[in-house]
Amino acid sequence: MTTSKNSVPIRLPVERWVHIVEEHPEMEGMRADVLETVRDPQRIVQGGAGELIAVRMVEENKWLVAVYRELDDDGFVITAFLTRRARWFQRRVQIWP
């Protein structure tokens, strides 16, 4: 568990983590990095269906993207992945900072 920039507790349930690693095997061993990205992102952009997207550079031209949802009193990670396509998140509405 971690806390978002909005001070909302965010969970990463085992079921979600298994799904993430099955869909994105390169994420194996990066669970702590996903939680760190939610807690301390370089930017947060708006998703298409109310979700938030936290982004943090992990190496030159490579970003970790963590998609999560905030509910009234907590939230959860939906998915996470690595990308080299900055345009993917740069074209979205930035909501933080």
Protein backbone atom coordinates (compact mmCIF):
# COMPACT_ATOMS: atom_id res chain seq x y z
CA MET A 1 0.00 0.00 0.00
CA THR A 2 1.03 3.59 -0.63
CA THR A 3 -0.53 7.05 -0.57
CA SER A 4 -1.34 9.14 -3.64
CA LYS A 5 -0.58 12.85 -4.06
CA ASN A 6 -4.20 13.44 -2.96
CA SER A 7 -3.41 11.65 0.36
CA VAL A 8 -5.62 8.70 -0.59
CA PRO A 9 -4.39 5.21 0.44
CA ILE A 10 -3.79 3.18 -2.74
CA ARG A 11 -3.74 -0.64 -2.67
CA LEU A 12 -1.99 -3.00 -5.08
CA PRO A 13 -3.82 -6.28 -4.43
CA VAL A 14 -2.11 -9.58 -5.25
CA GLU A 15 -4.78 -10.29 -7.89
CA ARG A 16 -3.92 -7.02 -9.69
CA TRP A 17 -0.17 -7.64 -9.41
CA VAL A 18 -0.53 -11.13 -10.91
CA HIS A 19 -2.56 -9.63 -13.78
CA ILE A 20 0.07 -6.93 -14.37
CA VAL A 21 2.97 -9.40 -14.49
CA GLU A 22 1.03 -11.81 -16.73
CA GLU A 23 0.27 -9.01 -19.21
CA HIS A 24 3.65 -7.26 -18.86
CA PRO A 25 6.34 -9.81 -17.86
CA GLU A 26 8.99 -7.07 -17.89
CA MET A 27 7.32 -5.73 -14.72
CA GLU A 28 8.41 -8.76 -12.66
CA GLY A 29 10.23 -7.52 -9.57
CA MET A 30 8.97 -3.94 -9.96
CA ARG A 31 6.06 -3.97 -7.48
CA ALA A 32 7.81 -1.48 -5.17
CA ASP A 33 8.56 0.74 -8.17
CA VAL A 34 4.87 0.82 -9.09
CA LEU A 35 3.93 1.90 -5.57
CA GLU A 36 6.72 4.50 -5.59
CA THR A 37 5.40 5.88 -8.89
CA VAL A 38 1.95 6.38 -7.35
CA ARG A 39 3.46 7.96 -4.22
CA ASP A 40 6.05 10.17 -5.94
CA PRO A 41 5.34 10.57 -9.67
CA GLN A 42 6.97 13.09 -11.99
CA ARG A 43 3.52 13.84 -13.35
CA ILE A 44 -0.08 12.69 -13.11
CA VAL A 45 -2.33 12.77 -16.15
CA GLN A 46 -6.02 12.17 -16.53
CA GLY A 47 -7.26 8.82 -17.80
CA GLY A 48 -10.19 8.37 -20.14
CA ALA A 49 -12.62 6.87 -17.59
CA GLY A 50 -11.88 8.67 -14.33
CA GLU A 51 -8.66 6.89 -13.54
CA LEU A 52 -5.40 8.67 -12.75
CA ILE A 53 -2.13 7.89 -14.51
CA ALA A 54 1.11 8.40 -12.59
CA VAL A 55 4.30 8.56 -14.64
CA ARG A 56 7.93 8.39 -13.56
CA MET A 57 11.10 8.08 -15.66
CA VAL A 58 13.04 4.93 -14.72
CA GLU A 59 15.86 5.38 -17.23
CA GLU A 60 16.62 7.64 -20.16
CA ASN A 61 13.56 7.65 -22.46
CA LYS A 62 11.80 4.93 -20.47
CA TRP A 63 8.85 5.58 -18.16
CA LEU A 64 6.96 3.54 -15.63
CA VAL A 65 3.22 4.17 -15.91
CA ALA A 66 0.89 3.28 -13.03
CA VAL A 67 -2.85 3.53 -13.68
CA TYR A 68 -4.96 3.77 -10.54
CA ARG A 69 -8.37 4.80 -9.27
CA GLU A 70 -9.14 6.85 -6.19
CA LEU A 71 -12.41 6.11 -4.39
CA ASP A 72 -13.92 7.98 -1.44
CA ASP A 73 -11.60 6.64 1.24
CA ASP A 74 -9.08 4.49 -0.63
CA GLY A 75 -8.06 3.40 -4.10
CA PHE A 76 -6.29 0.69 -6.07
CA VAL A 77 -3.84 0.16 -8.91
CA ILE A 78 -5.53 -1.00 -12.10
CA THR A 79 -2.45 -1.73 -14.18
CA ALA A 80 1.15 -0.70 -14.73
CA PHE A 81 3.61 -0.95 -17.59
CA LEU A 82 6.83 0.42 -19.03
CA THR A 83 6.86 2.58 -22.15
CA ARG A 84 9.27 4.49 -24.32
CA ARG A 85 6.41 6.42 -25.92
CA ALA A 86 6.30 9.73 -24.07
CA ARG A 87 3.66 10.92 -26.53
CA TRP A 88 1.27 8.35 -24.97
CA PHE A 89 0.97 10.40 -21.78
CA GLN A 90 2.06 13.83 -23.04
CA ARG A 91 -1.11 14.21 -25.10
CA ARG A 92 -3.31 13.68 -22.02
CA VAL A 93 -4.49 16.39 -19.64
CA GLN A 94 -1.86 16.87 -16.95
CA ILE A 95 -3.38 17.30 -13.50
CA TRP A 96 -0.21 17.32 -11.39
CA PRO A 97 2.09 19.19 -10.94
